């Protein structure tokens, strides 16, 4: 798994080949299904902040810090 990965195709950290299989993200010991981007070495994930949208209509993201583990299902 790459150290940093994003599901947004416009991001420089998006790698389409990784998404040919399902990716599982564990954050602080619990599996998360709403992760938009993660970085293992820096220990953070970006997730949507509820139903809040930015001015372009995309979900507003917040960064959570903790232990991140990524693997294929």
C-alpha atoms as a PDB file:
ATOM      1  CA  UNK A   1       0.000   0.000   0.000  1.00  0.00           C
ATOM      2  CA  UNK A   2       1.247   3.522  -0.722  1.00  0.00           C
ATOM      3  CA  UNK A   3       2.146   5.802   2.188  1.00  0.00           C
ATOM      4  CA  UNK A   4      -0.349   8.453   1.065  1.00  0.00           C
ATOM      5  CA  UNK A   5      -3.493   7.846  -0.970  1.00  0.00           C
ATOM      6  CA  UNK A   6      -6.564   9.845  -1.989  1.00  0.00           C
ATOM      7  CA  UNK A   7      -9.819   8.747  -3.633  1.00  0.00           C
ATOM      8  CA  UNK A   8     -10.177  12.119  -5.415  1.00  0.00           C
ATOM      9  CA  UNK A   9      -9.028  11.685  -9.067  1.00  0.00           C
ATOM     10  CA  UNK A  10      -7.876  15.337  -9.167  1.00  0.00           C
ATOM     11  CA  UNK A  11      -5.452  14.816  -6.278  1.00  0.00           C
ATOM     12  CA  UNK A  12      -1.735  14.224  -6.988  1.00  0.00           C
ATOM     13  CA  UNK A  13      -1.915  11.354  -4.456  1.00  0.00           C
ATOM     14  CA  UNK A  14      -4.580   9.414  -6.398  1.00  0.00           C
ATOM     15  CA  UNK A  15      -3.296   6.087  -7.766  1.00  0.00           C
ATOM     16  CA  UNK A  16      -5.986   4.385  -9.858  1.00  0.00           C
ATOM     17  CA  UNK A  17      -4.242   0.979  -9.908  1.00  0.00           C
ATOM     18  CA  UNK A  18      -4.631   0.641  -6.126  1.00  0.00           C
ATOM     19  CA  UNK A  19      -8.427   0.863  -6.376  1.00  0.00           C
ATOM     20  CA  UNK A  20      -8.720  -2.267  -8.543  1.00  0.00           C
ATOM     21  CA  UNK A  21      -9.108  -4.094  -5.197  1.00  0.00           C
ATOM     22  CA  UNK A  22     -11.007  -2.948  -2.109  1.00  0.00           C
ATOM     23  CA  UNK A  23      -8.888  -0.969   0.346  1.00  0.00           C
ATOM     24  CA  UNK A  24      -9.427  -1.293   4.109  1.00  0.00           C
ATOM     25  CA  UNK A  25      -8.417   1.548   6.438  1.00  0.00           C
ATOM     26  CA  UNK A  26      -8.063   0.995  10.183  1.00  0.00           C
ATOM     27  CA  UNK A  27      -7.804   4.151  12.282  1.00  0.00           C
ATOM     28  CA  UNK A  28      -6.924   3.774  15.981  1.00  0.00           C
ATOM     29  CA  UNK A  29      -7.924   0.098  15.830  1.00  0.00           C
ATOM     30  CA  UNK A  30     -11.352   0.600  14.193  1.00  0.00           C
ATOM     31  CA  UNK A  31     -12.175   0.122  10.513  1.00  0.00           C
ATOM     32  CA  UNK A  32     -13.364   3.325   8.822  1.00  0.00           C
ATOM     33  CA  UNK A  33     -15.447   3.420   5.650  1.00  0.00           C
ATOM     34  CA  UNK A  34     -15.616   7.191   5.099  1.00  0.00           C
ATOM     35  CA  UNK A  35     -11.902   7.982   4.570  1.00  0.00           C
ATOM     36  CA  UNK A  36     -11.199  10.307   1.626  1.00  0.00           C
ATOM     37  CA  UNK A  37      -7.401  10.513   2.055  1.00  0.00           C
ATOM     38  CA  UNK A  38      -4.801   9.088   4.422  1.00  0.00           C
ATOM     39  CA  UNK A  39      -1.089   9.311   5.243  1.00  0.00           C
ATOM     40  CA  UNK A  40       0.468   6.454   7.195  1.00  0.00           C
ATOM     41  CA  UNK A  41       3.842   8.064   7.994  1.00  0.00           C
ATOM     42  CA  UNK A  42       2.307  11.302   9.322  1.00  0.00           C
ATOM     43  CA  UNK A  43      -0.589   9.454  11.031  1.00  0.00           C
ATOM     44  CA  UNK A  44      -3.717  11.216   9.763  1.00  0.00           C
ATOM     45  CA  UNK A  45      -6.879  10.675   7.738  1.00  0.00           C
ATOM     46  CA  UNK A  46      -9.315  13.110   6.092  1.00  0.00           C
ATOM     47  CA  UNK A  47     -13.021  12.428   6.521  1.00  0.00           C
ATOM     48  CA  UNK A  48     -16.181  14.425   5.700  1.00  0.00           C
ATOM     49  CA  UNK A  49     -17.414  16.756   8.464  1.00  0.00           C
ATOM     50  CA  UNK A  50     -21.031  15.636   8.551  1.00  0.00           C
ATOM     51  CA  UNK A  51     -23.251  17.015   5.798  1.00  0.00           C
ATOM     52  CA  UNK A  52     -21.408  20.345   5.568  1.00  0.00           C
ATOM     53  CA  UNK A  53     -20.458  21.362   2.013  1.00  0.00           C
ATOM     54  CA  UNK A  54     -17.851  23.829   0.798  1.00  0.00           C
ATOM     55  CA  UNK A  55     -18.660  26.518  -1.764  1.00  0.00           C
ATOM     56  CA  UNK A  56     -17.954  24.141  -4.671  1.00  0.00           C
ATOM     57  CA  UNK A  57     -20.483  21.605  -3.380  1.00  0.00           C
ATOM     58  CA  UNK A  58     -17.948  19.058  -2.112  1.00  0.00           C
ATOM     59  CA  UNK A  59     -18.043  17.757   1.472  1.00  0.00           C
ATOM     60  CA  UNK A  60     -16.007  19.776   3.959  1.00  0.00           C
ATOM     61  CA  UNK A  61     -13.080  17.648   5.186  1.00  0.00           C
ATOM     62  CA  UNK A  62     -11.528  17.423   8.632  1.00  0.00           C
ATOM     63  CA  UNK A  63      -8.173  15.866   9.515  1.00  0.00           C
ATOM     64  CA  UNK A  64      -8.026  13.318  12.331  1.00  0.00           C
ATOM     65  CA  UNK A  65      -4.679  12.257  13.797  1.00  0.00           C
ATOM     66  CA  UNK A  66      -3.898   8.797  15.129  1.00  0.00           C
ATOM     67  CA  UNK A  67      -2.561   5.388  14.111  1.00  0.00           C
ATOM     68  CA  UNK A  68      -3.383   4.554  10.471  1.00  0.00           C
ATOM     69  CA  UNK A  69      -3.177   1.077   8.913  1.00  0.00           C
ATOM     70  CA  UNK A  70      -4.041   0.375   5.279  1.00  0.00           C
ATOM     71  CA  UNK A  71      -4.476  -3.009   3.583  1.00  0.00           C
ATOM     72  CA  UNK A  72      -6.399  -4.805   0.886  1.00  0.00           C
ATOM     73  CA  UNK A  73      -9.594  -6.623   1.901  1.00  0.00           C
END
